[in-house]
Amino acid sequence: MDNSVQTSPPGTFSIARSDGTSKARCGVLHTAHGPVETPAFMPVGTRATVKSLDCRDLRELGASVILGNTYHLVLRPGMDVMEKCGGLHRFMSWDGPILTDSGGFQVFSLARIRKLTPEGCFFHSHIDGAEVFLGPKESMEAQRILGSDIAMVFDECLPWPCGEERARKSVATTLRWAEESLAAPHAPGQLVFGIVQGGIYDGLRASCAAELAGMPFDGYAIGGVSVGEPPELMYKAVEASEPGLPRDKPRYVMGLGEPEQILECVARGVDMFDCVSPTRIARHGTALTRHGQYAVKAAANACDQRPVEEGCDCLCCRGYSRAYVRHLIHTGEMLGMRLLSIHNIHFILHFMEDIRKAIAGGYFDEWREKTHKELGK
């Protein structure tokens, strides 16, 4: 995608076509650094880099938007460095859109080293043990300095399982923090997304979505999913959240990257996704393919001269065999991790492109069924 020409103001979201048999839709979200075609997948650059890939790789792979992690960037390099270096785009030499999470996920993932208060969360840094405080004001100030195109509100991401009364209190906190995040100063052109919470409780999710929909956010995320719950509960949480969100704003399910899960959430009206999974499993020797994922590092591939995925035109598959990639992974060579990361990001971005084509072409339902069969799901 060419992000060099900005044709609409940041925050403009247009739906080009809606599917006739599901809630799937394709469209375009405009940001200060260019348009994002939806449904979209955002490769995760936790510490200002998508692991093992540089910005040229990402552009050549077709990434239109990437994600950065506020909590980790606050720790290193720190906002003083980031401000002096001109913000995250300039710091990492990426000229496309960036979404930054707020640190709310770390409230869940770092539960052992944090203390929750009504004002925010105290963390003990996993690097040196130093105390760090993040609340809605602090998170939004960090995201202002980062200069991301899309900033997420600070929220409380709940674990699974979680009792209903605990979830109810969390929703009240999340809504209060959403108002404070919205009122905080933002970078020029920066969009702000609210986040629906509520655990597995349909009523709480519906009421949280309705409250957020009454606030002037530029988009809305469905949070608190993919935290260990079974897939059927994850889909149920999405189904309970989506109806209360404005149709004319983008919807984003956070931390979801399995192809079959993306496909099902697109069918439920979701427009944006992110996950560390494609590069994480690559570093452990696993490839994503149209017929499901498999372990390239397995001994069965030791002499296999076929590409990682037949018919794939990525750099990895064009130039190298399974045997060679398996050798690199097996011996701990960084090139193996890089080649598989290139393949997996190529796969997921082309998967999203195929979803958009299927919706635009009016054959999403048939393509969805066919793809599930190919994936073996």
Protein backbone atom coordinates (compact mmCIF):
# COMPACT_ATOMS: atom_id res chain seq x y z
CA MET A 1 0.00 0.00 0.00
CA ASP A 2 1.21 3.53 -0.81
CA ASN A 3 1.04 5.60 2.39
CA SER A 4 2.63 8.67 0.82
CA VAL A 5 -0.63 10.45 -0.05
CA GLN A 6 -3.13 11.39 2.66
CA THR A 7 -6.54 11.89 1.09
CA SER A 8 -8.80 12.07 4.17
CA PRO A 9 -8.44 13.51 7.69
CA PRO A 10 -7.13 11.17 10.40
CA GLY A 11 -9.97 9.19 11.93
CA THR A 12 -11.99 8.92 8.74
CA PHE A 13 -13.25 5.35 8.41
CA SER A 14 -15.14 4.24 5.33
CA ILE A 15 -16.72 0.85 4.74
CA ALA A 16 -16.37 -0.18 1.11
CA ARG A 17 -18.49 -3.33 1.30
CA SER A 18 -20.31 -5.44 3.87
CA ASP A 19 -20.81 -9.18 3.56
CA GLY A 20 -24.37 -10.35 3.00
CA THR A 21 -24.19 -13.49 5.14
CA SER A 22 -22.10 -12.33 8.12
CA LYS A 23 -20.96 -9.12 9.80
CA ALA A 24 -17.71 -9.02 7.84
CA ARG A 25 -16.83 -5.73 6.15
CA CYS A 26 -13.86 -4.24 4.31
CA GLY A 27 -12.89 -0.59 4.42
CA VAL A 28 -10.18 2.00 5.01
CA LEU A 29 -9.10 3.79 8.17
CA HIS A 30 -7.17 7.00 7.56
CA THR A 31 -4.39 8.03 9.94
CA ALA A 32 -1.84 10.83 10.09
CA HIS A 33 0.72 8.52 8.46
CA GLY A 34 -1.48 7.05 5.79
CA PRO A 35 -4.43 4.73 5.17
CA VAL A 36 -4.95 1.25 6.58
CA GLU A 37 -7.06 -1.18 4.59
CA THR A 38 -9.27 -3.31 6.81
CA PRO A 39 -9.55 -6.04 7.94
CA ALA A 40 -5.92 -5.53 8.91
CA PHE A 41 -3.27 -7.39 10.89
CA MET A 42 -0.66 -5.37 12.79
CA PRO A 43 2.76 -7.00 13.28
CA VAL A 44 3.89 -6.39 16.86
CA GLY A 45 7.02 -4.31 17.43
CA THR A 46 7.12 -4.47 21.23
CA ARG A 47 10.40 -2.60 21.73
CA ALA A 48 10.36 -0.48 18.56
CA THR A 49 11.14 -3.46 16.34
CA VAL A 50 9.26 -6.43 14.95
CA LYS A 51 11.69 -9.10 16.08
CA SER A 52 14.36 -9.97 13.45
CA LEU A 53 12.78 -7.69 10.80
CA ASP A 54 13.65 -4.15 9.81
CA CYS A 55 11.37 -1.50 8.37
CA ARG A 56 12.37 -2.30 4.79
CA ASP A 57 11.32 -5.91 5.37
CA LEU A 58 7.96 -4.77 6.70
CA ARG A 59 7.34 -2.45 3.76
CA GLU A 60 8.26 -5.16 1.24
CA LEU A 61 6.01 -7.63 3.06
CA GLY A 62 3.11 -5.19 2.74
CA ALA A 63 2.62 -4.16 6.37
CA SER A 64 0.48 -1.02 6.49
CA VAL A 65 0.46 -0.54 10.28
CA ILE A 66 2.52 -1.91 13.16
CA LEU A 67 2.14 -1.96 16.95
CA GLY A 68 4.40 -0.66 19.70
CA ASN A 69 4.26 -1.35 23.45
CA THR A 70 4.00 1.67 25.73
CA TYR A 71 5.00 -0.14 28.93
CA HIS A 72 8.21 -1.58 27.46
CA LEU A 73 9.17 1.67 25.73
CA VAL A 74 8.65 3.63 28.96
CA LEU A 75 11.21 1.30 30.58
CA ARG A 76 13.64 1.34 27.65
CA PRO A 77 14.72 3.63 26.08
CA GLY A 78 12.49 5.88 28.22
CA MET A 79 10.38 8.85 27.24
CA ASP A 80 13.21 11.34 27.72
CA VAL A 81 15.19 9.57 24.99
CA MET A 82 12.10 9.13 22.83
CA GLU A 83 11.23 12.83 23.03
CA LYS A 84 14.77 13.90 22.15
CA CYS A 85 14.77 11.49 19.20
CA GLY A 86 11.54 12.92 17.79
CA GLY A 87 9.06 10.18 18.63
CA LEU A 88 8.63 6.55 17.69
CA HIS A 89 8.31 6.96 13.89
CA ARG A 90 11.60 8.82 13.59
CA PHE A 91 13.32 6.69 16.23
CA MET A 92 12.68 3.43 14.33
CA SER A 93 12.61 4.91 10.79
CA TRP A 94 9.07 3.74 10.09
CA ASP A 95 6.95 6.17 8.06
CA GLY A 96 3.68 4.23 8.20
CA PRO A 97 0.94 4.16 10.84
CA ILE A 98 1.70 2.92 14.38
CA LEU A 99 -0.73 1.83 17.07
CA THR A 100 0.53 1.84 20.65
CA ASP A 101 -1.08 -0.19 23.39
CA SER A 102 -1.48 1.55 26.73
CA GLY A 103 0.15 -0.82 29.20
CA GLY A 104 -3.23 -2.21 30.21
CA PHE A 105 -2.29 -5.69 29.02
CA GLN A 106 0.68 -5.65 31.40
CA VAL A 107 -1.81 -5.21 34.26
CA PHE A 108 -2.80 -8.78 33.36
CA SER A 109 0.47 -10.28 32.12
CA LEU A 110 2.67 -8.86 34.91
CA ALA A 111 0.22 -9.49 37.75
CA ARG A 112 2.99 -10.91 39.95
CA ILE A 113 5.02 -7.68 39.90
CA ARG A 114 2.34 -5.01 40.01
CA LYS A 115 -0.05 -3.37 42.47
CA LEU A 116 -3.38 -2.03 41.21
CA THR A 117 -4.81 1.19 42.66
CA PRO A 118 -7.85 3.35 41.71
CA GLU A 119 -5.46 5.78 39.99
CA GLY A 120 -3.48 3.24 37.98
CA CYS A 121 -0.88 0.54 38.46
CA PHE A 122 2.50 0.33 40.17
CA PHE A 123 4.88 -2.06 38.42
CA HIS A 124 8.22 -3.38 39.61
CA SER A 125 10.32 -3.30 36.46
CA HIS A 126 11.17 -6.78 35.21
CA ILE A 127 14.56 -5.32 34.19
CA ASP A 128 15.92 -3.91 37.46
CA GLY A 129 13.04 -3.95 39.94
CA ALA A 130 12.57 -0.16 39.88
CA GLU A 131 9.05 1.03 40.62
CA VAL A 132 7.11 2.39 37.63
CA PHE A 133 3.63 3.90 37.78
CA LEU A 134 1.22 3.92 34.86
CA GLY A 135 -2.28 5.29 34.96
CA PRO A 136 -4.47 6.85 32.28
CA LYS A 137 -2.70 10.22 32.41
CA GLU A 138 0.79 8.72 32.46
CA SER A 139 0.01 6.26 29.68
CA MET A 140 -1.52 8.90 27.43
CA GLU A 141 1.41 11.26 28.06
CA ALA A 142 3.83 8.52 27.04
CA GLN A 143 1.79 7.81 23.90
CA ARG A 144 1.72 11.56 23.14
CA ILE A 145 5.52 11.59 23.24
CA LEU A 146 5.69 8.42 21.16
CA GLY A 147 3.49 10.19 18.59
CA SER A 148 1.63 7.05 17.56
CA ASP A 149 -1.21 7.34 15.09
CA ILE A 150 -3.55 5.35 17.33
CA ALA A 151 -3.32 5.45 21.13
CA MET A 152 -5.18 2.97 23.31
CA VAL A 153 -6.83 3.99 26.58
CA PHE A 154 -5.39 2.61 29.79
CA ASP A 155 -7.62 -0.23 30.98
CA GLU A 156 -7.64 -3.24 33.24
CA CYS A 157 -7.25 -6.48 31.30
CA LEU A 158 -8.82 -9.27 33.37
CA PRO A 159 -7.52 -12.83 33.69
CA TRP A 160 -9.55 -15.94 32.97
CA PRO A 161 -11.29 -17.24 34.97
CA CYS A 162 -12.61 -14.21 36.84
CA GLY A 163 -15.66 -13.85 39.08
CA GLU A 164 -18.55 -11.63 38.00
CA GLU A 165 -18.26 -9.17 40.89
CA ARG A 166 -14.54 -8.74 40.21
CA ALA A 167 -15.32 -8.18 36.53
CA ARG A 168 -18.01 -5.63 37.41
CA LYS A 169 -15.56 -3.56 39.46
CA SER A 170 -13.01 -3.81 36.66
CA VAL A 171 -15.49 -2.49 34.10
CA ALA A 172 -16.24 0.51 36.33
CA THR A 173 -12.51 1.22 36.62
CA THR A 174 -11.96 0.75 32.87
CA LEU A 175 -14.79 3.20 32.04
CA ARG A 176 -13.44 5.81 34.46
CA TRP A 177 -9.95 5.43 33.04
CA ALA A 178 -11.38 5.67 29.52
CA GLU A 179 -12.83 9.11 30.31
CA GLU A 180 -9.54 10.25 31.82
CA SER A 181 -7.58 8.94 28.82
CA LEU A 182 -9.88 10.72 26.40
CA ALA A 183 -9.49 14.01 28.28
CA ALA A 184 -5.68 13.82 28.34
CA PRO A 185 -3.52 15.72 25.80
CA HIS A 186 -2.80 13.87 22.54
CA ALA A 187 -0.24 14.23 19.78
CA PRO A 188 -1.41 16.11 16.64
CA GLY A 189 -3.62 13.84 14.55
CA GLN A 190 -3.46 11.05 17.13
CA LEU A 191 -6.55 8.84 17.26
CA VAL A 192 -7.76 7.31 20.53
CA PHE A 193 -9.52 3.95 20.87
CA GLY A 194 -11.63 2.83 23.83
CA ILE A 195 -11.47 -0.77 25.09
CA VAL A 196 -14.41 -3.00 26.02
CA GLN A 197 -13.86 -5.25 29.06
CA GLY A 198 -16.19 -7.48 31.06
CA GLY A 199 -14.65 -10.93 31.09
CA ILE A 200 -17.01 -13.72 29.98
CA TYR A 201 -20.13 -11.88 31.19
CA ASP A 202 -22.35 -10.84 28.31
CA GLY A 203 -24.25 -8.21 30.27
CA LEU A 204 -21.09 -6.52 31.52
CA ARG A 205 -19.59 -6.47 28.03
CA ALA A 206 -22.78 -5.07 26.51
CA SER A 207 -23.04 -2.31 29.11
CA CYS A 208 -19.33 -1.46 28.82
CA ALA A 209 -19.62 -1.23 25.03
CA ALA A 210 -22.71 0.99 25.31
CA GLU A 211 -20.98 3.35 27.74
CA LEU A 212 -17.88 3.60 25.55
CA ALA A 213 -20.01 4.16 22.44
CA GLY A 214 -21.33 7.31 24.12
CA MET A 215 -17.79 8.71 24.29
CA PRO A 216 -16.22 10.31 21.19
CA PHE A 217 -13.57 7.68 20.49
CA ASP A 218 -12.10 7.19 17.02
CA GLY A 219 -12.38 3.41 17.29
CA TYR A 220 -13.11 0.65 19.76
CA ALA A 221 -11.22 -2.43 20.88
CA ILE A 222 -12.52 -5.64 22.39
CA GLY A 223 -10.05 -6.48 25.13
CA GLY A 224 -9.69 -9.23 27.66
CA VAL A 225 -9.82 -12.04 25.11
CA SER A 226 -7.16 -14.62 24.25
CA VAL A 227 -6.12 -14.67 27.91
CA GLY A 228 -6.44 -18.43 28.30
CA GLU A 229 -10.16 -18.93 27.79
CA PRO A 230 -11.54 -21.60 25.38
CA PRO A 231 -12.24 -20.37 21.82
CA GLU A 232 -16.00 -20.61 22.25
CA LEU A 233 -15.87 -18.16 25.18
CA MET A 234 -13.64 -15.83 23.22
CA TYR A 235 -16.13 -15.71 20.33
CA LYS A 236 -18.95 -15.24 22.83
CA ALA A 237 -17.15 -12.24 24.33
CA VAL A 238 -16.75 -10.70 20.86
CA GLU A 239 -20.41 -11.35 20.06
CA ALA A 240 -21.50 -9.69 23.32
CA SER A 241 -19.30 -6.62 22.74
CA GLU A 242 -19.72 -5.90 19.02
CA PRO A 243 -23.44 -4.98 18.78
CA GLY A 244 -23.06 -2.01 21.14
CA LEU A 245 -20.19 -0.46 19.17
CA PRO A 246 -20.79 2.17 16.47
CA ARG A 247 -20.95 0.66 13.00
CA ASP A 248 -19.08 3.61 11.47
CA LYS A 249 -15.97 3.16 13.65
CA PRO A 250 -13.25 0.48 13.40
CA ARG A 251 -13.36 -2.48 15.80
CA TYR A 252 -10.16 -4.11 17.02
CA VAL A 253 -9.70 -7.42 18.86
CA MET A 254 -6.49 -7.22 20.85
CA GLY A 255 -3.84 -9.95 20.93
CA LEU A 256 -5.43 -12.35 18.45
CA GLY A 257 -3.40 -13.89 15.61
CA GLU A 258 -4.43 -17.48 14.82
CA PRO A 259 -5.71 -17.49 11.20
CA GLU A 260 -8.91 -19.40 12.01
CA GLN A 261 -9.64 -17.05 14.94
CA ILE A 262 -9.07 -13.98 12.77
CA LEU A 263 -11.42 -15.41 10.15
CA GLU A 264 -14.17 -16.03 12.70
CA CYS A 265 -13.80 -12.60 14.30
CA VAL A 266 -13.92 -10.90 10.89
CA ALA A 267 -17.22 -12.73 10.36
CA ARG A 268 -18.35 -11.19 13.66
CA GLY A 269 -17.60 -7.64 12.53
CA VAL A 270 -13.98 -7.07 13.61
CA ASP A 271 -11.64 -4.91 11.51
CA MET A 272 -8.20 -4.98 13.18
CA PHE A 273 -5.94 -7.56 14.83
CA ASP A 274 -2.48 -7.88 16.37
CA CYS A 275 -0.46 -10.70 17.87
CA VAL A 276 3.15 -11.66 18.62
CA SER A 277 2.40 -15.23 17.50
CA PRO A 278 3.69 -15.16 13.87
CA THR A 279 7.20 -14.10 14.85
CA ARG A 280 7.22 -15.95 18.18
CA ILE A 281 6.46 -19.35 16.66
CA ALA A 282 8.95 -18.58 13.87
CA ARG A 283 11.72 -18.22 16.45
CA HIS A 284 10.78 -21.68 17.70
CA GLY A 285 10.92 -23.21 14.22
CA THR A 286 7.22 -23.28 13.27
CA ALA A 287 5.72 -22.08 9.98
CA LEU A 288 2.23 -20.84 9.17
CA THR A 289 0.74 -22.29 5.98
CA ARG A 290 -2.60 -22.60 4.20
CA HIS A 291 -2.86 -26.13 5.56
CA GLY A 292 -2.13 -25.22 9.15
CA GLN A 293 1.15 -24.73 10.97
CA TYR A 294 3.94 -27.26 11.19
CA ALA A 295 7.36 -27.63 12.78
CA VAL A 296 10.05 -26.94 10.18
CA LYS A 297 12.60 -27.91 12.83
CA ALA A 298 11.27 -31.51 12.87
CA ALA A 299 13.73 -34.23 11.86
CA ALA A 300 11.47 -35.23 8.95
CA ASN A 301 12.58 -32.05 7.14
CA ALA A 302 16.32 -32.71 7.42
CA CYS A 303 16.71 -33.52 3.70
CA ASP A 304 13.51 -31.96 2.33
CA GLN A 305 14.32 -29.77 -0.69
CA ARG A 306 10.87 -28.24 -0.95
CA PRO A 307 10.29 -24.63 0.20
CA VAL A 308 8.72 -24.00 3.60
CA GLU A 309 5.36 -23.62 1.81
CA GLU A 310 4.91 -24.65 -1.79
CA GLY A 311 3.39 -21.89 -3.90
CA CYS A 312 4.52 -19.12 -1.51
CA ASP A 313 6.54 -16.29 -3.08
CA CYS A 314 8.13 -14.85 0.06
CA LEU A 315 11.92 -14.39 0.30
CA CYS A 316 12.25 -17.51 2.44
CA CYS A 317 10.31 -19.78 0.09
CA ARG A 318 11.81 -18.33 -3.09
CA GLY A 319 15.37 -18.97 -2.06
CA TYR A 320 15.69 -21.67 0.58
CA SER A 321 14.66 -25.24 1.31
CA ARG A 322 13.04 -26.72 4.39
CA ALA A 323 16.25 -28.66 4.95
CA TYR A 324 18.32 -25.47 5.06
CA VAL A 325 15.89 -23.53 7.27
CA ARG A 326 15.63 -26.55 9.57
CA HIS A 327 19.44 -26.68 9.78
CA LEU A 328 19.59 -22.97 10.70
CA ILE A 329 16.95 -23.33 13.41
CA HIS A 330 18.50 -26.53 14.73
CA THR A 331 21.92 -24.89 15.09
CA GLY A 332 20.55 -21.66 16.61
CA GLU A 333 21.50 -19.47 13.64
CA MET A 334 19.67 -16.14 13.61
CA LEU A 335 19.06 -16.35 9.86
CA GLY A 336 16.69 -19.28 10.38
CA MET A 337 14.54 -17.27 12.78
CA ARG A 338 14.59 -14.30 10.42
CA LEU A 339 13.61 -16.35 7.35
CA LEU A 340 10.71 -18.02 9.15
CA SER A 341 9.59 -14.66 10.56
CA ILE A 342 9.55 -13.24 7.03
CA HIS A 343 7.50 -16.22 5.86
CA ASN A 344 5.00 -16.06 8.73
CA ILE A 345 4.43 -12.29 8.44
CA HIS A 346 4.10 -12.68 4.66
CA PHE A 347 1.56 -15.44 5.23
CA ILE A 348 -0.62 -13.52 7.68
CA LEU A 349 -0.58 -10.27 5.68
CA HIS A 350 -1.54 -12.10 2.49
CA PHE A 351 -4.19 -13.98 4.45
CA MET A 352 -5.71 -10.59 5.39
CA GLU A 353 -5.48 -9.44 1.76
CA ASP A 354 -7.39 -12.55 0.68
CA ILE A 355 -10.06 -11.84 3.32
CA ARG A 356 -10.48 -8.31 1.98
CA LYS A 357 -10.75 -9.60 -1.59
CA ALA A 358 -13.34 -12.19 -0.56
CA ILE A 359 -15.49 -9.58 1.17
CA ALA A 360 -15.14 -7.08 -1.68
CA GLY A 361 -15.87 -9.80 -4.25
CA GLY A 362 -18.98 -11.03 -2.46
CA TYR A 363 -17.72 -14.58 -1.84
CA PHE A 364 -16.58 -14.35 1.79
CA ASP A 365 -18.91 -17.09 3.06
CA GLU A 366 -17.65 -19.66 0.55
CA TRP A 367 -14.02 -18.62 1.08
CA ARG A 368 -14.43 -18.83 4.85
CA GLU A 369 -15.75 -22.40 4.64
CA LYS A 370 -13.05 -23.46 2.18
CA THR A 371 -10.29 -21.90 4.28
CA HIS A 372 -11.42 -23.62 7.46
CA LYS A 373 -11.27 -26.95 5.66
CA GLU A 374 -7.77 -26.22 4.37
CA LEU A 375 -6.60 -25.20 7.84
CA GLY A 376 -8.09 -28.39 9.22
CA LYS A 377 -10.34 -26.49 11.62
